[in-house]
Amino acid sequence: MLESMTGFGKATASFGDKKITVEIKSLNSKLFDLSTKLPGLYREKELALRNILSRSLGRGKVDLTIYAESGETEKRASVNKSLALAYLREIKGLADAGGLATGESTLSLLLNMPEVLQTERPELSPEEADLMERTVEEAAEALLAFRRNEGARLAEDIGMRVRSIESLRVEVEAHLADRLQQVRDRIEKNIAEVMSSDEIDRNRMEQEIIYYLEKLDITEEHTRLKGHCDFFLETMDSPDAAGKKLGFISQEIGREINTMGAKANHVAIQRLVVQMKDELEKIKEQLLNIN
């Protein structure tokens, strides 16, 4: 089953009065590329989250965003009273020595003195960390379900185009006999134009015609193209279907189509080859989004 690299997944959980929301978005990429937006409390778990998503999602450009909404503020402020009073004594002594008065502004000054106002960040508990990681896994599962649905849609489109190439290949087959006769007639005509009938060595001419017909023969390319198309469809329906593997098969399909077009020397076949190339390009575009 094919799986797209494009998708979105979301999951939520509650820890005490805190609501944890996880959102994961992914786009196509040759490698796993993760960008995170996490609350400060969860930063220490970034590597663990990266490992979780790398294992479950495989390739793709992934954006992970976690929101943690709580009725309480994460940071708690406290005043170092003993240090503040020490500063106050020094300030008053300085003011008295200079004949200056102290007032309410002194409090604001004290709160801005180094280490007087301290903030404490709560530590991440193992229970909250475990819940947060499980919520990320749930969001990843939702993303994978989205990817599989998108992959099924892509598989339908890609399969239709591969079968279209196969259908065009069958049409080429109908022109093969006529094409070989046209090539033969063209060679005989060209020889007749430059040589008289008395000068023509019929055996030699037959050998030359056979040589050029074999050189221009597309039977092998025609047969291999059918095999590659069948293999592509079989691989696409297999449990271990992957974009890279299908990409390699599409390259082989392209080689046979290109060689067929180069050897064709037949207007109807060349038109069919152009249609095959068009379908193959659309297949390659779709494969870029397959995981």
Protein backbone atom coordinates (compact mmCIF):
# COMPACT_ATOMS: atom_id res chain seq x y z
CA MET A 1 0.00 0.00 0.00
CA LEU A 2 1.33 3.41 -0.95
CA GLU A 3 1.71 6.11 1.67
CA SER A 4 1.91 9.83 0.94
CA MET A 5 4.41 12.10 2.67
CA THR A 6 1.81 14.87 2.95
CA GLY A 7 -0.48 14.88 5.95
CA PHE A 8 -1.73 16.37 9.21
CA GLY A 9 -2.35 14.81 12.61
CA LYS A 10 -3.62 16.20 15.92
CA ALA A 11 -4.10 14.82 19.44
CA THR A 12 -4.93 16.31 22.86
CA ALA A 13 -4.55 15.21 26.48
CA SER A 14 -5.02 16.65 29.97
CA PHE A 15 -2.55 16.63 32.84
CA GLY A 16 -4.09 18.14 35.96
CA ASP A 17 -5.40 21.56 34.92
CA LYS A 18 -3.08 21.62 31.91
CA LYS A 19 -4.28 20.87 28.35
CA ILE A 20 -1.63 19.44 26.01
CA THR A 21 -2.27 19.82 22.26
CA VAL A 22 0.00 18.23 19.66
CA GLU A 23 -0.13 19.09 15.95
CA ILE A 24 2.07 17.43 13.30
CA LYS A 25 2.27 18.46 9.64
CA SER A 26 4.39 16.80 6.97
CA LEU A 27 5.40 17.51 3.36
CA ASN A 28 7.50 15.60 0.87
CA SER A 29 11.27 15.49 1.34
CA LYS A 30 14.04 13.08 0.36
CA LEU A 31 15.06 12.71 4.03
CA PHE A 32 13.48 13.03 7.48
CA ASP A 33 13.61 16.75 8.35
CA LEU A 34 12.03 17.80 11.67
CA SER A 35 11.21 21.31 12.89
CA THR A 36 9.83 21.72 16.43
CA LYS A 37 7.96 24.38 18.35
CA LEU A 38 7.82 23.31 22.00
CA PRO A 39 7.05 24.92 25.38
CA GLY A 40 10.20 25.53 27.40
CA LEU A 41 9.22 22.82 29.87
CA TYR A 42 9.35 20.15 27.09
CA ARG A 43 12.62 21.19 25.45
CA GLU A 44 14.59 18.50 27.25
CA LYS A 45 12.51 15.86 25.47
CA GLU A 46 13.19 17.12 21.94
CA LEU A 47 15.61 14.30 21.07
CA ALA A 48 13.19 11.64 22.32
CA LEU A 49 10.39 13.17 20.24
CA ARG A 50 12.65 13.25 17.19
CA ASN A 51 13.34 9.53 17.59
CA ILE A 52 9.64 8.73 17.98
CA LEU A 53 8.67 10.59 14.80
CA SER A 54 11.64 9.35 12.79
CA ARG A 55 10.71 5.73 13.49
CA SER A 56 7.02 6.13 12.77
CA LEU A 57 6.97 8.60 9.86
CA GLY A 58 10.06 7.76 7.81
CA ARG A 59 10.83 10.40 5.17
CA GLY A 60 9.28 13.85 5.00
CA LYS A 61 9.61 17.45 6.12
CA VAL A 62 7.82 17.37 9.49
CA ASP A 63 6.64 20.27 11.66
CA LEU A 64 5.86 19.38 15.29
CA THR A 65 4.02 21.94 17.44
CA ILE A 66 3.03 21.38 21.08
CA TYR A 67 0.82 23.76 23.06
CA ALA A 68 0.52 23.48 26.84
CA GLU A 69 -2.30 25.62 28.28
CA SER A 70 -2.56 25.86 32.05
CA GLY A 71 -4.51 27.85 34.60
CA GLU A 72 -1.25 28.44 36.48
CA THR A 73 1.81 30.17 35.16
CA GLU A 74 4.82 27.92 34.65
CA LYS A 75 7.18 30.41 36.18
CA ARG A 76 6.85 31.40 39.85
CA ALA A 77 8.46 34.61 41.11
CA SER A 78 9.96 35.05 44.59
CA VAL A 79 11.84 37.89 46.31
CA ASN A 80 15.18 37.31 48.03
CA LYS A 81 14.26 39.35 51.10
CA SER A 82 17.58 39.14 52.91
CA LEU A 83 19.43 40.35 49.81
CA ALA A 84 16.86 43.12 49.22
CA LEU A 85 17.21 44.36 52.83
CA ALA A 86 20.98 44.36 52.49
CA TYR A 87 20.69 46.50 49.36
CA LEU A 88 18.20 48.78 51.18
CA ARG A 89 20.61 49.37 54.07
CA GLU A 90 23.34 50.29 51.66
CA ILE A 91 21.03 52.63 49.73
CA LYS A 92 19.83 54.35 52.92
CA GLY A 93 23.39 54.74 54.18
CA LEU A 94 24.38 56.30 50.88
CA ALA A 95 21.32 58.58 50.91
CA ASP A 96 21.99 59.73 54.50
CA ALA A 97 25.62 60.43 53.73
CA GLY A 98 24.63 62.57 50.79
CA GLY A 99 21.70 64.24 52.48
CA LEU A 100 19.23 62.66 50.08
CA ALA A 101 15.73 61.33 50.78
CA THR A 102 14.47 57.86 49.90
CA GLY A 103 10.90 57.22 48.75
CA GLU A 104 8.60 54.73 47.00
CA SER A 105 10.88 54.69 43.97
CA THR A 106 13.41 52.90 46.16
CA LEU A 107 11.24 49.73 46.01
CA SER A 108 11.30 49.70 42.22
CA LEU A 109 15.05 50.19 42.33
CA LEU A 110 15.47 47.30 44.77
CA LEU A 111 13.42 44.88 42.61
CA ASN A 112 15.72 45.59 39.68
CA MET A 113 18.87 44.89 41.65
CA PRO A 114 20.73 41.67 40.67
CA GLU A 115 19.21 38.42 42.06
CA VAL A 116 16.58 40.18 44.17
CA LEU A 117 13.63 39.04 42.04
CA GLN A 118 14.01 35.32 41.22
CA THR A 119 11.89 33.13 38.98
CA GLU A 120 11.55 29.40 39.42
CA ARG A 121 10.63 27.07 36.55
CA PRO A 122 8.95 23.83 37.64
CA GLU A 123 10.65 20.61 36.56
CA LEU A 124 8.99 18.25 34.07
CA SER A 125 7.62 15.28 35.99
CA PRO A 126 8.07 11.75 34.55
CA GLU A 127 4.27 11.37 34.48
CA GLU A 128 3.75 14.51 32.38
CA ALA A 129 6.67 13.62 30.09
CA ASP A 130 5.20 10.16 29.48
CA LEU A 131 1.74 11.58 28.74
CA MET A 132 3.18 14.18 26.39
CA GLU A 133 5.15 11.53 24.44
CA ARG A 134 2.08 9.30 24.17
CA THR A 135 0.09 12.26 22.85
CA VAL A 136 2.78 12.84 20.20
CA GLU A 137 2.50 9.17 19.22
CA GLU A 138 -1.30 9.54 18.91
CA ALA A 139 -0.89 12.60 16.67
CA ALA A 140 1.65 10.66 14.58
CA GLU A 141 -0.90 7.82 14.17
CA ALA A 142 -3.50 10.34 13.02
CA LEU A 143 -0.97 11.72 10.53
CA LEU A 144 -0.21 8.21 9.24
CA ALA A 145 -3.92 7.55 8.70
CA PHE A 146 -4.11 10.79 6.71
CA ARG A 147 -1.04 9.72 4.71
CA ARG A 148 -2.52 6.30 3.93
CA ASN A 149 -5.76 7.85 2.66
CA GLU A 150 -3.80 10.26 0.49
CA GLY A 151 -1.59 7.36 -0.66
CA ALA A 152 -4.65 5.39 -1.78
CA ARG A 153 -5.75 8.35 -3.91
CA LEU A 154 -2.27 8.66 -5.42
CA ALA A 155 -2.13 4.91 -6.08
CA GLU A 156 -5.39 5.08 -8.04
CA ASP A 157 -4.08 7.91 -10.20
CA ILE A 158 -0.61 6.37 -10.73
CA GLY A 159 -2.07 2.93 -11.52
CA MET A 160 -4.39 4.49 -14.11
CA ARG A 161 -1.40 6.16 -15.82
CA VAL A 162 0.73 2.99 -15.84
CA ARG A 163 -2.18 1.09 -17.40
CA SER A 164 -2.47 3.93 -19.92
CA ILE A 165 1.19 3.39 -20.89
CA GLU A 166 0.49 -0.33 -21.26
CA SER A 167 -2.51 0.43 -23.46
CA LEU A 168 -0.39 2.71 -25.65
CA ARG A 169 2.23 -0.04 -25.86
CA VAL A 170 -0.41 -2.41 -27.24
CA GLU A 171 -1.29 0.23 -29.85
CA VAL A 172 2.37 0.37 -30.85
CA GLU A 173 2.26 -3.39 -31.42
CA ALA A 174 -0.43 -2.92 -34.05
CA HIS A 175 1.95 -0.74 -36.09
CA LEU A 176 5.08 -2.93 -35.92
CA ALA A 177 4.52 -4.94 -39.10
CA ASP A 178 3.60 -1.85 -41.12
CA ARG A 179 6.63 0.00 -39.71
CA LEU A 180 9.09 -2.72 -40.75
CA GLN A 181 7.63 -2.83 -44.24
CA GLN A 182 7.94 0.95 -44.52
CA VAL A 183 11.60 0.77 -43.48
CA ARG A 184 12.25 -2.00 -46.01
CA ASP A 185 10.54 -0.09 -48.81
CA ARG A 186 12.49 3.05 -47.97
CA ILE A 187 15.83 1.24 -48.08
CA GLU A 188 15.01 -0.44 -51.41
CA LYS A 189 13.85 2.87 -52.90
CA ASN A 190 17.01 4.68 -51.81
CA ILE A 191 19.21 1.95 -53.29
CA ALA A 192 17.23 1.95 -56.55
CA GLU A 193 17.70 5.71 -56.88
CA VAL A 194 21.49 5.49 -56.85
CA MET A 195 22.07 2.13 -58.55
CA SER A 196 20.75 0.45 -61.67
CA SER A 197 19.09 -2.95 -61.40
CA ASP A 198 22.11 -4.57 -63.04
CA GLU A 199 24.41 -3.21 -60.35
CA ILE A 200 22.36 -4.44 -57.41
CA ASP A 201 23.56 -7.56 -55.64
CA ARG A 202 20.31 -9.01 -54.41
CA ASN A 203 21.91 -11.17 -51.71
CA ARG A 204 23.97 -8.26 -50.45
CA MET A 205 20.92 -6.01 -50.51
CA GLU A 206 18.91 -8.54 -48.49
CA GLN A 207 21.73 -8.74 -45.93
CA GLU A 208 21.85 -4.94 -45.64
CA ILE A 209 18.08 -4.72 -45.25
CA ILE A 210 18.11 -7.41 -42.57
CA TYR A 211 20.98 -5.59 -40.79
CA TYR A 212 19.11 -2.29 -40.68
CA LEU A 213 15.80 -3.90 -39.76
CA GLU A 214 17.49 -5.64 -36.82
CA LYS A 215 19.19 -2.41 -35.81
CA LEU A 216 15.86 -0.57 -35.86
CA ASP A 217 13.89 -3.43 -34.30
CA ILE A 218 12.01 -2.38 -31.13
CA THR A 219 10.66 -5.81 -30.21
CA GLU A 220 12.95 -6.13 -27.17
CA GLU A 221 12.11 -2.63 -25.90
CA HIS A 222 8.43 -3.39 -26.49
CA THR A 223 8.65 -6.63 -24.47
CA ARG A 224 10.71 -5.11 -21.65
CA LEU A 225 8.30 -2.16 -21.38
CA LYS A 226 5.43 -4.58 -20.74
CA GLY A 227 7.52 -6.35 -18.08
CA HIS A 228 8.41 -3.08 -16.33
CA CYS A 229 4.77 -1.91 -16.31
CA ASP A 230 3.63 -5.25 -14.83
CA PHE A 231 6.40 -5.11 -12.21
CA PHE A 232 5.47 -1.52 -11.31
CA LEU A 233 1.82 -2.47 -10.66
CA GLU A 234 2.83 -5.57 -8.67
CA THR A 235 5.25 -3.52 -6.54
CA MET A 236 2.68 -0.80 -5.96
CA ASP A 237 0.20 -3.36 -4.57
CA SER A 238 2.79 -5.08 -2.34
CA PRO A 239 2.95 -4.41 1.44
CA ASP A 240 6.48 -2.99 1.18
CA ALA A 241 5.72 -0.54 -1.63
CA ALA A 242 7.96 2.53 -1.44
CA GLY A 243 8.40 5.68 -3.48
CA LYS A 244 12.12 5.10 -4.05
CA LYS A 245 11.64 1.59 -5.43
CA LEU A 246 8.83 2.72 -7.72
CA GLY A 247 11.03 5.61 -8.81
CA PHE A 248 13.73 3.16 -9.95
CA ILE A 249 11.18 1.13 -11.93
CA SER A 250 9.83 4.30 -13.55
CA GLN A 251 13.38 5.09 -14.71
CA GLU A 252 13.52 1.70 -16.46
CA ILE A 253 10.15 2.37 -18.07
CA GLY A 254 11.50 5.71 -19.29
CA ARG A 255 14.58 4.07 -20.86
CA GLU A 256 12.47 1.67 -22.91
CA ILE A 257 10.12 4.44 -24.05
CA ASN A 258 13.00 6.70 -25.04
CA THR A 259 14.78 3.94 -26.99
CA MET A 260 11.53 3.01 -28.70
CA GLY A 261 11.03 6.62 -29.75
CA ALA A 262 14.61 6.96 -31.01
CA LYS A 263 14.27 3.86 -33.20
CA ALA A 264 10.66 4.35 -34.27
CA ASN A 265 10.97 6.06 -37.70
CA HIS A 266 7.19 5.84 -37.83
CA VAL A 267 4.84 8.79 -37.31
CA ALA A 268 2.04 6.87 -35.56
CA ILE A 269 4.45 5.12 -33.18
CA GLN A 270 6.26 8.38 -32.37
CA ARG A 271 2.93 9.98 -31.46
CA LEU A 272 2.17 7.09 -29.12
CA VAL A 273 5.66 7.43 -27.59
CA VAL A 274 5.00 11.12 -26.88
CA GLN A 275 1.79 10.17 -25.05
CA MET A 276 3.69 7.54 -23.03
CA LYS A 277 6.30 10.14 -22.03
CA ASP A 278 3.57 12.52 -20.91
CA GLU A 279 1.97 9.86 -18.70
CA LEU A 280 5.38 8.87 -17.28
CA GLU A 281 6.23 12.46 -16.32
CA LYS A 282 2.96 12.73 -14.40
CA ILE A 283 3.76 9.43 -12.64
CA LYS A 284 7.21 10.74 -11.63
CA GLU A 285 5.64 13.92 -10.21
CA GLN A 286 3.27 11.85 -8.08
CA LEU A 287 6.07 9.54 -6.90
CA LEU A 288 7.90 12.52 -5.38
CA ASN A 289 5.18 12.57 -2.72
CA ILE A 290 5.28 8.83 -1.95
CA ASN A 291 7.03 7.75 1.27
